[in-house]
Amino acid sequence: MDGMSSPALQQFIEQEKERAMLNEMVAKLTDACWDKCITSTPGAKFSSSESSCLSNCAQRYMDMSMIIMKRFQSMN
């Protein structure tokens, strides 16, 4: 058996793919929510309205991501 098809290597590759997808999703979420919620130069802390907006935006983004993933899984 060559090293490229070992179960451990395949598992490692899958884990790295998942990590890359998660990093991409976090980057997209950060860009989208930051642009929407942070309307002025940020200080040392977010205002209560900025914190609330960021939290709501992130939750909606995660909810939509789960809906999309479930939809793709049901297609297979």
N, C-alpha and C. Protein backbone atom coordinates (compact mmCIF):
# COMPACT_ATOMS: atom_id res chain seq x y z
N MET A 1 0.85 -1.17 0.00
CA MET A 1 0.00 0.00 0.00
C MET A 1 0.90 1.23 0.00
N ASP A 2 0.63 2.18 -0.90
CA ASP A 2 1.47 3.38 -0.90
C ASP A 2 0.96 4.37 0.14
N GLY A 3 1.82 5.30 0.52
CA GLY A 3 1.52 6.25 1.58
C GLY A 3 0.39 7.20 1.25
N MET A 4 0.10 7.42 -0.03
CA MET A 4 -0.93 8.38 -0.43
C MET A 4 -2.34 7.88 -0.16
N SER A 5 -2.53 6.59 0.03
CA SER A 5 -3.87 6.07 0.23
C SER A 5 -4.10 5.54 1.64
N SER A 6 -3.19 5.81 2.54
CA SER A 6 -3.37 5.31 3.90
C SER A 6 -4.56 6.00 4.56
N PRO A 7 -5.30 5.27 5.39
CA PRO A 7 -6.45 5.88 6.07
C PRO A 7 -6.08 7.10 6.91
N ALA A 8 -4.93 7.07 7.55
CA ALA A 8 -4.51 8.20 8.37
C ALA A 8 -4.30 9.45 7.51
N LEU A 9 -3.69 9.27 6.34
CA LEU A 9 -3.47 10.40 5.44
C LEU A 9 -4.79 10.93 4.92
N GLN A 10 -5.70 10.05 4.56
CA GLN A 10 -7.01 10.47 4.07
C GLN A 10 -7.76 11.25 5.15
N GLN A 11 -7.68 10.78 6.39
CA GLN A 11 -8.34 11.48 7.49
C GLN A 11 -7.71 12.86 7.69
N PHE A 12 -6.39 12.93 7.62
CA PHE A 12 -5.70 14.20 7.76
C PHE A 12 -6.14 15.19 6.67
N ILE A 13 -6.22 14.70 5.44
CA ILE A 13 -6.63 15.56 4.32
C ILE A 13 -8.05 16.08 4.54
N GLU A 14 -8.96 15.21 4.98
CA GLU A 14 -10.34 15.63 5.24
C GLU A 14 -10.39 16.67 6.36
N GLN A 15 -9.60 16.47 7.40
CA GLN A 15 -9.58 17.43 8.51
C GLN A 15 -9.05 18.79 8.03
N GLU A 16 -8.04 18.77 7.18
CA GLU A 16 -7.48 20.02 6.66
C GLU A 16 -8.48 20.72 5.75
N LYS A 17 -9.22 19.96 4.95
CA LYS A 17 -10.27 20.55 4.10
C LYS A 17 -11.33 21.22 4.97
N GLU A 18 -11.76 20.54 6.02
CA GLU A 18 -12.76 21.10 6.92
C GLU A 18 -12.23 22.36 7.60
N ARG A 19 -10.98 22.32 8.01
CA ARG A 19 -10.38 23.50 8.65
C ARG A 19 -10.33 24.67 7.67
N ALA A 20 -9.96 24.41 6.43
CA ALA A 20 -9.91 25.47 5.43
C ALA A 20 -11.30 26.04 5.16
N MET A 21 -12.31 25.18 5.10
CA MET A 21 -13.68 25.65 4.88
C MET A 21 -14.15 26.50 6.05
N LEU A 22 -13.83 26.08 7.27
CA LEU A 22 -14.22 26.85 8.45
C LEU A 22 -13.52 28.21 8.46
N ASN A 23 -12.23 28.23 8.14
CA ASN A 23 -11.51 29.50 8.09
C ASN A 23 -12.10 30.43 7.04
N GLU A 24 -12.47 29.89 5.90
CA GLU A 24 -13.08 30.70 4.85
C GLU A 24 -14.43 31.25 5.31
N MET A 25 -15.21 30.42 5.98
CA MET A 25 -16.52 30.87 6.45
C MET A 25 -16.37 31.97 7.50
N VAL A 26 -15.42 31.82 8.41
CA VAL A 26 -15.19 32.85 9.43
C VAL A 26 -14.74 34.15 8.77
N ALA A 27 -13.89 34.07 7.77
CA ALA A 27 -13.44 35.28 7.07
C ALA A 27 -14.60 35.97 6.37
N LYS A 28 -15.46 35.21 5.72
CA LYS A 28 -16.62 35.80 5.04
C LYS A 28 -17.58 36.41 6.05
N LEU A 29 -17.82 35.71 7.14
CA LEU A 29 -18.69 36.21 8.19
C LEU A 29 -18.14 37.52 8.75
N THR A 30 -16.85 37.53 9.04
CA THR A 30 -16.21 38.73 9.59
C THR A 30 -16.35 39.90 8.63
N ASP A 31 -16.06 39.69 7.36
CA ASP A 31 -16.18 40.76 6.37
C ASP A 31 -17.60 41.29 6.28
N ALA A 32 -18.56 40.37 6.14
CA ALA A 32 -19.96 40.78 5.96
C ALA A 32 -20.48 41.51 7.19
N CYS A 33 -20.26 40.94 8.36
CA CYS A 33 -20.81 41.54 9.58
C CYS A 33 -20.08 42.82 9.97
N TRP A 34 -18.78 42.85 9.76
CA TRP A 34 -18.02 44.07 10.09
C TRP A 34 -18.52 45.22 9.23
N ASP A 35 -18.65 44.99 7.92
CA ASP A 35 -19.09 46.05 7.02
C ASP A 35 -20.50 46.52 7.36
N LYS A 36 -21.35 45.61 7.80
CA LYS A 36 -22.73 45.96 8.12
C LYS A 36 -22.85 46.66 9.47
N CYS A 37 -22.09 46.22 10.46
CA CYS A 37 -22.33 46.65 11.83
C CYS A 37 -21.40 47.75 12.35
N ILE A 38 -20.22 47.83 11.84
CA ILE A 38 -19.25 48.81 12.35
C ILE A 38 -19.26 50.01 11.40
N THR A 39 -19.95 51.06 11.82
CA THR A 39 -20.16 52.20 10.92
C THR A 39 -19.22 53.37 11.20
N SER A 40 -18.48 53.28 12.28
CA SER A 40 -17.51 54.33 12.59
C SER A 40 -16.19 53.69 12.98
N THR A 41 -15.22 54.49 13.26
CA THR A 41 -13.92 53.96 13.67
C THR A 41 -14.09 53.28 15.03
N PRO A 42 -13.73 52.00 15.11
CA PRO A 42 -13.92 51.30 16.38
C PRO A 42 -12.99 51.82 17.47
N GLY A 43 -13.50 51.86 18.68
CA GLY A 43 -12.71 52.26 19.84
C GLY A 43 -12.17 51.02 20.54
N ALA A 44 -11.92 51.16 21.82
CA ALA A 44 -11.40 50.04 22.61
C ALA A 44 -12.46 48.95 22.78
N LYS A 45 -13.74 49.35 22.74
CA LYS A 45 -14.85 48.41 22.89
C LYS A 45 -15.90 48.73 21.84
N PHE A 46 -16.69 47.72 21.50
CA PHE A 46 -17.82 47.95 20.62
C PHE A 46 -18.94 48.60 21.42
N SER A 47 -19.74 49.43 20.75
CA SER A 47 -20.93 49.97 21.41
C SER A 47 -21.93 48.84 21.58
N SER A 48 -22.95 49.06 22.39
CA SER A 48 -23.95 48.01 22.60
C SER A 48 -24.69 47.71 21.31
N SER A 49 -24.96 48.72 20.49
CA SER A 49 -25.65 48.47 19.21
C SER A 49 -24.74 47.70 18.25
N GLU A 50 -23.44 48.01 18.24
CA GLU A 50 -22.50 47.26 17.40
C GLU A 50 -22.40 45.81 17.86
N SER A 51 -22.31 45.59 19.17
CA SER A 51 -22.23 44.22 19.70
C SER A 51 -23.48 43.43 19.35
N SER A 52 -24.63 44.04 19.52
CA SER A 52 -25.88 43.38 19.20
C SER A 52 -25.96 43.07 17.71
N CYS A 53 -25.60 44.02 16.88
CA CYS A 53 -25.62 43.82 15.43
C CYS A 53 -24.68 42.69 15.03
N LEU A 54 -23.46 42.69 15.56
CA LEU A 54 -22.49 41.64 15.23
C LEU A 54 -22.99 40.27 15.65
N SER A 55 -23.57 40.19 16.84
CA SER A 55 -24.09 38.92 17.32
C SER A 55 -25.23 38.42 16.43
N ASN A 56 -26.17 39.29 16.13
CA ASN A 56 -27.31 38.91 15.27
C ASN A 56 -26.85 38.54 13.87
N CYS A 57 -25.93 39.31 13.32
CA CYS A 57 -25.42 39.05 11.98
C CYS A 57 -24.72 37.69 11.93
N ALA A 58 -23.88 37.42 12.92
CA ALA A 58 -23.16 36.15 12.95
C ALA A 58 -24.14 34.98 13.09
N GLN A 59 -25.17 35.14 13.91
CA GLN A 59 -26.15 34.07 14.09
C GLN A 59 -26.91 33.81 12.79
N ARG A 60 -27.33 34.87 12.11
CA ARG A 60 -28.04 34.70 10.83
C ARG A 60 -27.13 34.05 9.80
N TYR A 61 -25.87 34.46 9.77
CA TYR A 61 -24.92 33.88 8.82
C TYR A 61 -24.75 32.38 9.07
N MET A 62 -24.60 32.01 10.34
CA MET A 62 -24.43 30.60 10.68
C MET A 62 -25.70 29.80 10.36
N ASP A 63 -26.86 30.38 10.67
CA ASP A 63 -28.13 29.71 10.35
C ASP A 63 -28.24 29.46 8.85
N MET A 64 -27.93 30.47 8.06
CA MET A 64 -28.02 30.32 6.60
C MET A 64 -27.00 29.31 6.09
N SER A 65 -25.83 29.30 6.66
CA SER A 65 -24.81 28.33 6.26
C SER A 65 -25.29 26.91 6.53
N MET A 66 -25.94 26.70 7.67
CA MET A 66 -26.45 25.37 8.00
C MET A 66 -27.58 24.97 7.04
N ILE A 67 -28.45 25.90 6.71
CA ILE A 67 -29.54 25.61 5.76
C ILE A 67 -28.97 25.22 4.41
N ILE A 68 -27.97 25.95 3.96
CA ILE A 68 -27.35 25.67 2.66
C ILE A 68 -26.66 24.31 2.69
N MET A 69 -25.91 24.01 3.77
CA MET A 69 -25.24 22.72 3.87
C MET A 69 -26.25 21.58 3.86
N LYS A 70 -27.34 21.72 4.60
CA LYS A 70 -28.35 20.67 4.63
C LYS A 70 -28.99 20.49 3.25
N ARG A 71 -29.19 21.58 2.56
CA ARG A 71 -29.78 21.50 1.22
C ARG A 71 -28.84 20.74 0.28
N PHE A 72 -27.55 21.05 0.34
CA PHE A 72 -26.57 20.34 -0.51
C PHE A 72 -26.50 18.86 -0.15
N GLN A 73 -26.54 18.56 1.15
CA GLN A 73 -26.48 17.16 1.58
C GLN A 73 -27.70 16.39 1.10
N SER A 74 -28.85 17.04 1.07
CA SER A 74 -30.06 16.34 0.62
C SER A 74 -30.06 16.10 -0.89
N MET A 75 -29.23 16.83 -1.62
CA MET A 75 -29.13 16.64 -3.08
C MET A 75 -28.33 15.39 -3.42
N ASN A 76 -27.46 14.96 -2.52
CA ASN A 76 -26.59 13.80 -2.80
C ASN A 76 -27.27 12.50 -2.55
